[in-house]
Amino acid sequence: FKKDLFKLNPALEDVHMNLEAFVSSEKECGAIIGGKMHTARSRNDQAATAMRLYMRDQCLTIQKDVIALINILLEKGSEFSMVLMAGITHHQNAVLSSLGHLYYSYAEALLRDVERLTHAFSTINVSPLGAVAGYGTTWPLDRPLTAKLLHFDAVLSNTIDCVTNRWEPEAELASALSFLMNHLSTMAQDIIFLSTSSNPALKLPLEFTTGSSVMPQKRNPDFAEGTKGRTALVHGYLSALFSIGKGNVSGYNKDTQWTKYLIMDTIYTCQDAPLVFASVIKGIEPNKLRLFKQTEEGFLCATDLADMLVREGKLPFRKAYLIVKEVAATCIGKIDYPWFIAIVNKHDKKIKISQELFDKTTNPLLSIHQKNHDGGPAPAALKKLRIKLATKLKRLAMDNSKNYKKIDGARKQKN
């Protein structure tokens, strides 16, 4: 078709009839063989089958790219486990964390997307071939055989269901991709927030930024802003897929023709995103000094000090909270030991806190190691988390590879 050797004839109504006419030509197989192509078939089950073949390929490809992105996040997260930074709530610096901790949060979220794509693949990879127009045929079909030859995992049994729900596997895949794009959109917003000219905590790879047409000094994170825009498009495609499928009479309805365009547009909108983010994450250079300076500002140790007072002074947390709140409200810049002890003793003179324990709680380089629990930002906790995530990722990657090989085998087999 691209070489203009296959011409579509509008008089033949659609691609299916054009293909049959092409195969039936004397130059190809002739009318006797070509004329048998449509036996026990309909455009309905043919189109439904073709879309499932297309979607499962795209699903596996995107899944493979997300797996590659997660591997890079785990690698860089390990490298940056002691690149300390302020954890953010309400767009404000709030508590002590690390860039590695942040990267691992992305990895864990994206792992769920890999699982969703696995589920989408299993929903897609069943064969509707043999449903004909939705109501079966008088021919004694061997539907499990054609499912096996095309490497479908099973047959979608009820023939009406095969045709009525020609929006459902599309929506399943679009839903998984919507979750994926939401997670990438969060990453994009974080990258924007941490790389602004007023807060240049991250230096982005030059090749993923663009200049201004009028301001020579500007470099803009357009890939990140574009990701947020594309995410909105994908949400719209998913909503449209559900809308098409919500109110049709059972059997074929022409409305479902448009589900093909919607899922193809969804895939086109998403397919490069994991690859782009993999390259961006690989090329990001953290401004370690700036990030660390932020950990020493804004009383990020306040909650840890309150927890320490609870443990050492046997206080209820709310009372410890109010003491540290008073300390923070009356300090300038950072909490120092003499002033902290003065406020504590004002409330309870029996509480004894050593300089060593105070430093261990307020020094970011020391206190980060105290958050050593499952999922916490302590380097030791991150090391355990990486093993946990990498083990899960390896299993999912093996499933992805296995499905690739089976489908390739189905393409190459001779009958």
Protein backbone atom coordinates (compact mmCIF):
# COMPACT_ATOMS: atom_id res chain seq x y z
CA PHE A 1 0.00 0.00 0.00
CA LYS A 2 2.82 2.42 0.90
CA LYS A 3 4.46 1.69 -2.45
CA ASP A 4 1.14 2.28 -4.22
CA LEU A 5 1.05 -1.36 -5.34
CA PHE A 6 -2.14 -2.09 -3.43
CA LYS A 7 -4.93 0.31 -4.37
CA LEU A 8 -8.09 0.66 -2.35
CA ASN A 9 -11.26 0.61 -4.45
CA PRO A 10 -14.06 2.60 -2.76
CA ALA A 11 -16.64 0.57 -4.70
CA LEU A 12 -15.66 -2.48 -2.63
CA GLU A 13 -16.82 -0.69 0.53
CA ASP A 14 -13.95 -1.33 2.93
CA VAL A 15 -10.47 -2.74 3.49
CA HIS A 16 -11.73 -6.27 4.16
CA MET A 17 -13.44 -6.57 0.80
CA ASN A 18 -10.42 -4.99 -0.90
CA LEU A 19 -8.15 -7.59 0.68
CA GLU A 20 -10.40 -10.42 -0.47
CA ALA A 21 -10.49 -9.01 -3.99
CA PHE A 22 -6.69 -8.67 -3.97
CA VAL A 23 -6.14 -12.28 -2.87
CA SER A 24 -8.80 -13.48 -5.33
CA SER A 25 -7.10 -11.84 -8.32
CA GLU A 26 -5.49 -14.06 -10.95
CA LYS A 27 -2.13 -12.48 -10.12
CA GLU A 28 -2.40 -13.78 -6.55
CA CYS A 29 -4.42 -16.88 -5.54
CA GLY A 30 -7.38 -16.74 -7.89
CA ALA A 31 -11.10 -16.63 -7.28
CA ILE A 32 -11.51 -20.22 -6.07
CA ILE A 33 -9.05 -19.88 -3.20
CA GLY A 34 -9.60 -16.18 -2.50
CA GLY A 35 -13.34 -16.69 -2.53
CA LYS A 36 -13.03 -19.03 0.45
CA MET A 37 -11.41 -16.39 2.66
CA HIS A 38 -14.67 -15.21 4.16
CA THR A 39 -16.05 -18.67 4.93
CA ALA A 40 -17.26 -18.72 8.54
CA ARG A 41 -15.96 -15.20 9.02
CA SER A 42 -17.37 -11.71 9.29
CA ARG A 43 -15.78 -8.31 9.26
CA ASN A 44 -16.90 -8.20 12.90
CA ASP A 45 -14.77 -11.01 14.26
CA GLN A 46 -11.95 -10.27 11.82
CA ALA A 47 -11.71 -6.64 12.98
CA ALA A 48 -12.03 -7.63 16.63
CA THR A 49 -9.26 -10.20 16.18
CA ALA A 50 -6.97 -7.81 14.30
CA MET A 51 -7.38 -5.16 16.99
CA ARG A 52 -6.50 -7.63 19.73
CA LEU A 53 -3.39 -8.70 17.80
CA TYR A 54 -2.39 -5.05 17.45
CA MET A 55 -3.16 -4.10 21.05
CA ARG A 56 -1.29 -7.01 22.62
CA ASP A 57 1.85 -6.12 20.64
CA GLN A 58 1.63 -2.48 21.71
CA CYS A 59 0.85 -3.45 25.30
CA LEU A 60 3.98 -5.62 25.53
CA THR A 61 6.19 -2.99 23.87
CA ILE A 62 5.08 -0.20 26.23
CA GLN A 63 5.37 -2.58 29.19
CA LYS A 64 8.93 -3.44 28.17
CA ASP A 65 9.83 0.27 28.01
CA VAL A 66 8.31 0.91 31.46
CA ILE A 67 10.38 -1.97 32.84
CA ALA A 68 13.51 -0.35 31.39
CA LEU A 69 12.55 2.98 33.01
CA ILE A 70 12.09 1.30 36.40
CA ASN A 71 15.52 -0.31 36.13
CA ILE A 72 17.08 3.11 35.59
CA LEU A 73 15.14 4.57 38.53
CA LEU A 74 16.41 1.75 40.78
CA GLU A 75 19.96 2.28 39.58
CA LYS A 76 19.87 6.05 40.06
CA GLY A 77 17.91 5.74 43.30
CA SER A 78 20.72 3.65 44.73
CA GLU A 79 23.30 6.15 43.49
CA PHE A 80 21.39 9.05 45.09
CA SER A 81 20.44 7.36 48.38
CA MET A 82 22.55 9.91 50.29
CA VAL A 83 21.64 12.92 48.16
CA LEU A 84 19.57 14.45 50.94
CA MET A 85 16.68 16.77 50.15
CA ALA A 86 13.55 18.23 51.67
CA GLY A 87 10.42 16.13 51.40
CA ILE A 88 7.54 18.32 50.25
CA THR A 89 3.97 18.70 51.52
CA HIS A 90 1.62 21.46 50.36
CA HIS A 91 4.38 22.64 47.97
CA GLN A 92 6.54 23.50 50.99
CA ASN A 93 9.70 21.90 52.36
CA ALA A 94 8.53 19.78 55.27
CA VAL A 95 10.65 16.79 56.32
CA LEU A 96 14.00 15.15 55.60
CA SER A 97 14.15 12.74 52.67
CA SER A 98 16.50 11.89 49.80
CA LEU A 99 16.49 11.88 46.02
CA GLY A 100 16.89 8.11 46.13
CA HIS A 101 13.75 7.84 48.24
CA LEU A 102 11.87 9.94 45.67
CA TYR A 103 13.13 7.88 42.73
CA TYR A 104 12.11 4.65 44.44
CA SER A 105 8.60 6.06 44.95
CA TYR A 106 8.38 6.47 41.17
CA ALA A 107 9.67 2.94 40.65
CA GLU A 108 7.07 1.43 42.98
CA ALA A 109 4.21 3.31 41.30
CA LEU A 110 5.40 2.30 37.83
CA LEU A 111 5.65 -1.32 38.96
CA ARG A 112 1.91 -1.25 39.53
CA ASP A 113 1.54 0.04 35.98
CA VAL A 114 3.55 -2.93 34.71
CA GLU A 115 1.13 -5.18 36.62
CA ARG A 116 -1.85 -3.33 35.13
CA LEU A 117 -0.42 -3.84 31.64
CA THR A 118 -0.01 -7.54 32.45
CA HIS A 119 -3.68 -7.66 33.40
CA ALA A 120 -4.63 -5.71 30.26
CA PHE A 121 -2.63 -8.17 28.16
CA SER A 122 -4.51 -11.12 29.68
CA THR A 123 -7.85 -9.40 28.95
CA ILE A 124 -6.82 -8.61 25.38
CA ASN A 125 -5.19 -11.93 24.56
CA VAL A 126 -8.33 -14.02 24.04
CA SER A 127 -9.65 -14.90 20.60
CA PRO A 128 -12.98 -13.61 19.26
CA LEU A 129 -12.35 -15.30 15.89
CA GLY A 130 -15.25 -17.56 14.98
CA ALA A 131 -17.94 -15.31 16.42
CA VAL A 132 -18.68 -14.30 12.81
CA ALA A 133 -21.31 -11.53 12.98
CA GLY A 134 -21.98 -12.31 16.61
CA TYR A 135 -24.32 -15.27 16.31
CA GLY A 136 -22.11 -18.15 15.26
CA THR A 137 -22.21 -20.21 12.05
CA THR A 138 -23.32 -23.56 10.67
CA TRP A 139 -19.69 -24.46 9.94
CA PRO A 140 -18.08 -26.85 12.47
CA LEU A 141 -15.39 -24.43 13.62
CA ASP A 142 -12.33 -25.38 15.66
CA ARG A 143 -12.00 -22.08 17.51
CA PRO A 144 -9.37 -23.35 19.99
CA LEU A 145 -7.13 -24.25 17.01
CA THR A 146 -7.21 -20.75 15.51
CA ALA A 147 -6.68 -19.29 18.99
CA LYS A 148 -3.63 -21.51 19.41
CA LEU A 149 -2.22 -20.65 15.97
CA LEU A 150 -2.49 -16.94 16.74
CA HIS A 151 -1.15 -17.49 20.28
CA PHE A 152 -4.21 -16.34 22.11
CA ASP A 153 -4.38 -17.70 25.64
CA ALA A 154 -8.00 -18.77 25.27
CA VAL A 155 -11.20 -18.39 23.26
CA LEU A 156 -13.68 -15.66 24.17
CA SER A 157 -16.58 -18.05 24.29
CA ASN A 158 -19.94 -16.38 23.83
CA THR A 159 -20.15 -15.12 20.26
CA ILE A 160 -22.47 -12.22 21.12
CA ASP A 161 -20.04 -11.03 23.77
CA CYS A 162 -17.19 -11.15 21.23
CA VAL A 163 -18.90 -8.52 19.11
CA THR A 164 -20.86 -6.45 21.64
CA ASN A 165 -17.78 -5.66 23.71
CA ARG A 166 -15.53 -4.39 20.96
CA TRP A 167 -14.77 -1.41 23.22
CA GLU A 168 -13.81 -3.31 26.35
CA PRO A 169 -10.22 -4.53 25.72
CA GLU A 170 -9.51 -1.10 24.25
CA ALA A 171 -10.74 0.56 27.45
CA GLU A 172 -8.77 -1.92 29.57
CA LEU A 173 -5.53 -0.96 27.83
CA ALA A 174 -6.40 2.75 27.82
CA SER A 175 -7.10 2.54 31.56
CA ALA A 176 -3.69 1.01 32.27
CA LEU A 177 -2.05 3.67 30.10
CA SER A 178 -3.99 6.41 31.91
CA PHE A 179 -2.52 5.25 35.22
CA LEU A 180 0.92 5.16 33.63
CA MET A 181 0.59 8.68 32.25
CA ASN A 182 -0.68 9.96 35.60
CA HIS A 183 2.46 8.64 37.27
CA LEU A 184 4.69 10.11 34.57
CA SER A 185 2.78 13.39 34.93
CA THR A 186 3.60 13.45 38.65
CA MET A 187 7.25 12.82 37.82
CA ALA A 188 7.06 15.61 35.25
CA GLN A 189 5.65 18.08 37.77
CA ASP A 190 8.32 17.17 40.33
CA ILE A 191 11.04 17.67 37.73
CA ILE A 192 9.60 21.08 36.81
CA PHE A 193 9.32 22.10 40.47
CA LEU A 194 12.89 21.05 41.26
CA SER A 195 14.51 22.60 38.20
CA THR A 196 13.08 26.12 38.10
CA SER A 197 15.41 29.12 37.93
CA SER A 198 14.31 30.03 41.46
CA ASN A 199 14.96 26.49 42.70
CA PRO A 200 17.62 24.91 40.47
CA ALA A 201 17.95 21.70 42.48
CA LEU A 202 18.07 19.49 39.38
CA LYS A 203 19.92 20.15 36.13
CA LEU A 204 18.06 18.65 33.19
CA PRO A 205 19.75 17.09 30.15
CA LEU A 206 20.09 19.86 27.58
CA GLU A 207 18.64 17.75 24.76
CA PHE A 208 15.31 17.46 26.60
CA THR A 209 14.82 21.18 27.06
CA THR A 210 13.91 23.81 24.49
CA GLY A 211 14.80 27.46 24.11
CA SER A 212 12.65 30.54 23.99
CA SER A 213 12.02 32.26 20.66
CA VAL A 214 12.65 35.66 22.25
CA MET A 215 14.58 35.11 25.51
CA PRO A 216 18.03 33.75 24.66
CA GLN A 217 18.85 32.65 28.21
CA LYS A 218 15.80 30.39 28.67
CA ARG A 219 15.76 26.58 28.66
CA ASN A 220 12.27 25.17 29.17
CA PRO A 221 11.24 21.68 30.40
CA ASP A 222 8.85 21.21 27.48
CA PHE A 223 8.96 17.40 27.62
CA ALA A 224 7.55 17.55 31.16
CA GLU A 225 4.83 20.07 30.32
CA GLY A 226 4.01 18.08 27.19
CA THR A 227 3.61 14.96 29.32
CA LYS A 228 1.01 16.68 31.46
CA GLY A 229 -0.86 17.81 28.35
CA ARG A 230 -0.75 14.34 26.79
CA THR A 231 -2.04 12.82 30.02
CA ALA A 232 -5.17 14.94 29.71
CA LEU A 233 -5.65 13.66 26.15
CA VAL A 234 -5.40 10.05 27.31
CA HIS A 235 -8.02 10.67 30.00
CA GLY A 236 -10.31 11.98 27.26
CA TYR A 237 -9.75 8.93 25.05
CA LEU A 238 -10.57 6.61 27.95
CA SER A 239 -13.75 8.53 28.75
CA ALA A 240 -14.79 8.33 25.08
CA LEU A 241 -14.20 4.55 25.03
CA PHE A 242 -16.47 4.09 28.03
CA SER A 243 -19.08 6.38 26.47
CA ILE A 244 -19.15 4.38 23.24
CA GLY A 245 -19.60 1.12 25.13
CA LYS A 246 -22.19 2.23 27.66
CA GLY A 247 -25.53 2.02 25.87
CA ASN A 248 -25.48 -0.17 22.78
CA VAL A 249 -27.94 -2.96 22.04
CA SER A 250 -26.20 -6.36 22.19
CA GLY A 251 -24.61 -7.30 18.89
CA TYR A 252 -22.61 -5.16 16.50
CA ASN A 253 -23.07 -1.40 16.46
CA LYS A 254 -21.20 0.90 14.08
CA ASP A 255 -20.30 3.13 17.04
CA THR A 256 -17.58 0.67 18.00
CA GLN A 257 -15.74 1.44 14.76
CA TRP A 258 -14.45 4.56 16.51
CA THR A 259 -12.93 2.60 19.37
CA LYS A 260 -10.13 1.66 16.97
CA TYR A 261 -9.19 5.28 16.40
CA LEU A 262 -9.39 6.05 20.11
CA ILE A 263 -7.08 3.24 21.24
CA MET A 264 -4.64 3.91 18.39
CA ASP A 265 -4.53 7.59 19.37
CA THR A 266 -4.05 6.59 23.01
CA ILE A 267 -1.12 4.34 22.15
CA TYR A 268 0.42 6.96 19.85
CA THR A 269 0.13 9.57 22.60
CA CYS A 270 1.77 7.34 25.25
CA GLN A 271 4.24 5.11 23.45
CA ASP A 272 7.34 7.33 23.58
CA ALA A 273 6.83 8.63 27.13
CA PRO A 274 8.63 5.85 29.07
CA LEU A 275 11.61 6.06 26.69
CA VAL A 276 11.82 9.84 27.08
CA PHE A 277 11.69 9.63 30.88
CA ALA A 278 14.32 6.88 30.94
CA SER A 279 16.73 9.18 29.10
CA VAL A 280 15.83 12.18 31.27
CA ILE A 281 16.31 10.29 34.56
CA LYS A 282 19.61 8.91 33.28
CA GLY A 283 20.82 12.43 32.44
CA ILE A 284 19.55 14.45 35.43
CA GLU A 285 22.33 15.97 37.53
CA PRO A 286 21.28 16.87 41.09
CA ASN A 287 22.60 20.06 42.65
CA LYS A 288 23.69 18.26 45.81
CA LEU A 289 24.80 21.35 47.72
CA ARG A 290 21.55 23.20 47.09
CA LEU A 291 19.45 20.18 48.00
CA PHE A 292 21.41 19.64 51.20
CA LYS A 293 21.19 23.32 52.17
CA GLN A 294 17.40 23.02 52.03
CA THR A 295 17.54 20.20 54.59
CA GLU A 296 19.14 22.60 57.06
CA GLU A 297 16.42 25.23 56.62
CA GLY A 298 12.79 25.38 57.64
CA PHE A 299 13.08 23.19 60.76
CA LEU A 300 12.75 19.90 58.86
CA CYS A 301 13.86 18.07 62.02
CA ALA A 302 10.85 19.34 64.03
CA THR A 303 8.78 16.15 63.86
CA ASP A 304 11.84 14.04 64.69
CA LEU A 305 12.51 16.23 67.74
CA ALA A 306 8.91 15.78 68.90
CA ASP A 307 9.22 12.01 68.49
CA MET A 308 12.48 12.06 70.43
CA LEU A 309 10.79 13.97 73.28
CA VAL A 310 8.04 11.36 73.39
CA ARG A 311 10.62 8.58 73.73
CA GLU A 312 12.97 10.30 76.16
CA GLY A 313 10.50 12.32 78.22
CA LYS A 314 7.60 9.83 78.16
CA LEU A 315 5.33 12.63 76.95
CA PRO A 316 2.13 12.32 74.92
CA PHE A 317 2.92 13.19 71.32
CA ARG A 318 0.60 16.22 71.29
CA LYS A 319 2.42 17.79 74.24
CA ALA A 320 5.81 17.13 72.61
CA TYR A 321 4.43 18.59 69.38
CA LEU A 322 3.41 21.82 71.13
CA ILE A 323 6.81 22.15 72.82
CA VAL A 324 8.68 21.82 69.52
CA LYS A 325 6.17 24.13 67.86
CA GLU A 326 7.07 26.78 70.44
CA VAL A 327 10.78 26.15 69.85
CA ALA A 328 10.41 26.58 66.08
CA ALA A 329 8.26 29.69 66.47
CA THR A 330 10.85 31.43 68.63
CA CYS A 331 14.02 30.37 66.78
CA ILE A 332 15.67 32.17 63.90
CA GLY A 333 17.15 30.13 61.07
CA LYS A 334 17.70 26.78 62.80
CA ILE A 335 17.03 25.14 66.15
CA ASP A 336 20.06 25.26 68.44
CA TYR A 337 20.65 23.07 71.47
CA PRO A 338 20.65 25.72 74.28
CA TRP A 339 17.37 27.26 73.15
CA PHE A 340 15.75 23.86 72.67
CA ILE A 341 16.72 22.76 76.20
CA ALA A 342 15.51 26.08 77.65
CA ILE A 343 12.03 25.64 76.15
CA VAL A 344 11.84 21.97 77.11
CA ASN A 345 12.83 22.72 80.71
CA LYS A 346 10.23 25.47 80.86
CA HIS A 347 7.58 22.79 80.35
CA ASP A 348 9.24 19.87 82.19
CA LYS A 349 12.56 20.15 84.03
CA LYS A 350 12.83 16.39 84.51
CA ILE A 351 13.46 15.77 80.80
CA LYS A 352 17.17 15.36 80.08
CA ILE A 353 18.36 15.51 76.46
CA SER A 354 22.08 15.24 75.73
CA GLN A 355 23.88 17.32 73.10
CA GLU A 356 24.79 14.07 71.35
CA LEU A 357 21.18 12.92 71.07
CA PHE A 358 20.09 16.40 69.95
CA ASP A 359 22.76 16.39 67.19
CA LYS A 360 21.80 12.89 66.13
CA THR A 361 18.21 14.07 65.69
CA THR A 362 18.86 17.42 64.02
CA ASN A 363 21.92 16.73 61.83
CA PRO A 364 20.52 15.56 58.46
CA LEU A 365 23.55 13.37 57.75
CA LEU A 366 22.92 11.50 61.00
CA SER A 367 19.13 11.66 61.34
CA ILE A 368 18.43 10.21 57.89
CA HIS A 369 19.74 6.89 59.22
CA GLN A 370 17.12 6.92 61.98
CA LYS A 371 14.29 6.50 59.48
CA ASN A 372 15.26 2.89 59.00
CA HIS A 373 11.97 1.06 58.57
CA ASP A 374 10.22 -0.65 55.67
CA GLY A 375 9.91 1.94 52.89
CA GLY A 376 11.70 4.69 54.80
CA PRO A 377 14.42 7.00 53.42
CA ALA A 378 17.35 5.59 55.42
CA PRO A 379 20.01 4.22 53.03
CA ALA A 380 19.75 0.79 54.68
CA ALA A 381 15.96 0.79 54.17
CA LEU A 382 16.36 1.87 50.55
CA LYS A 383 18.80 -0.99 49.98
CA LYS A 384 16.19 -3.49 51.20
CA LEU A 385 13.49 -1.80 49.12
CA ARG A 386 15.60 -2.02 45.99
CA ILE A 387 15.96 -5.78 46.45
CA LYS A 388 12.20 -6.10 46.95
CA LEU A 389 11.32 -4.01 43.90
CA ALA A 390 14.01 -5.57 41.71
CA THR A 391 12.78 -9.08 42.54
CA LYS A 392 9.23 -8.18 41.57
CA LEU A 393 10.43 -6.40 38.45
CA LYS A 394 12.49 -9.42 37.36
CA ARG A 395 9.42 -11.66 37.53
CA LEU A 396 7.33 -9.22 35.50
CA ALA A 397 10.14 -8.78 32.96
CA MET A 398 10.34 -12.56 32.52
CA ASP A 399 6.58 -12.70 31.88
CA ASN A 400 6.91 -9.91 29.33
CA SER A 401 9.77 -11.69 27.56
CA LYS A 402 7.90 -15.00 27.60
CA ASN A 403 4.83 -13.44 25.97
CA TYR A 404 7.02 -11.76 23.34
CA LYS A 405 8.63 -15.09 22.44
CA LYS A 406 5.32 -16.93 22.22
CA ILE A 407 3.82 -14.33 19.91
CA ASP A 408 6.92 -14.30 17.72
CA GLY A 409 6.75 -18.09 17.60
CA ALA A 410 3.15 -17.92 16.44
CA ARG A 411 4.18 -15.57 13.62
CA LYS A 412 6.97 -17.86 12.44
CA GLN A 413 5.28 -21.26 12.71
CA LYS A 414 4.33 -23.08 9.51
CA ASN A 415 1.12 -25.11 9.37
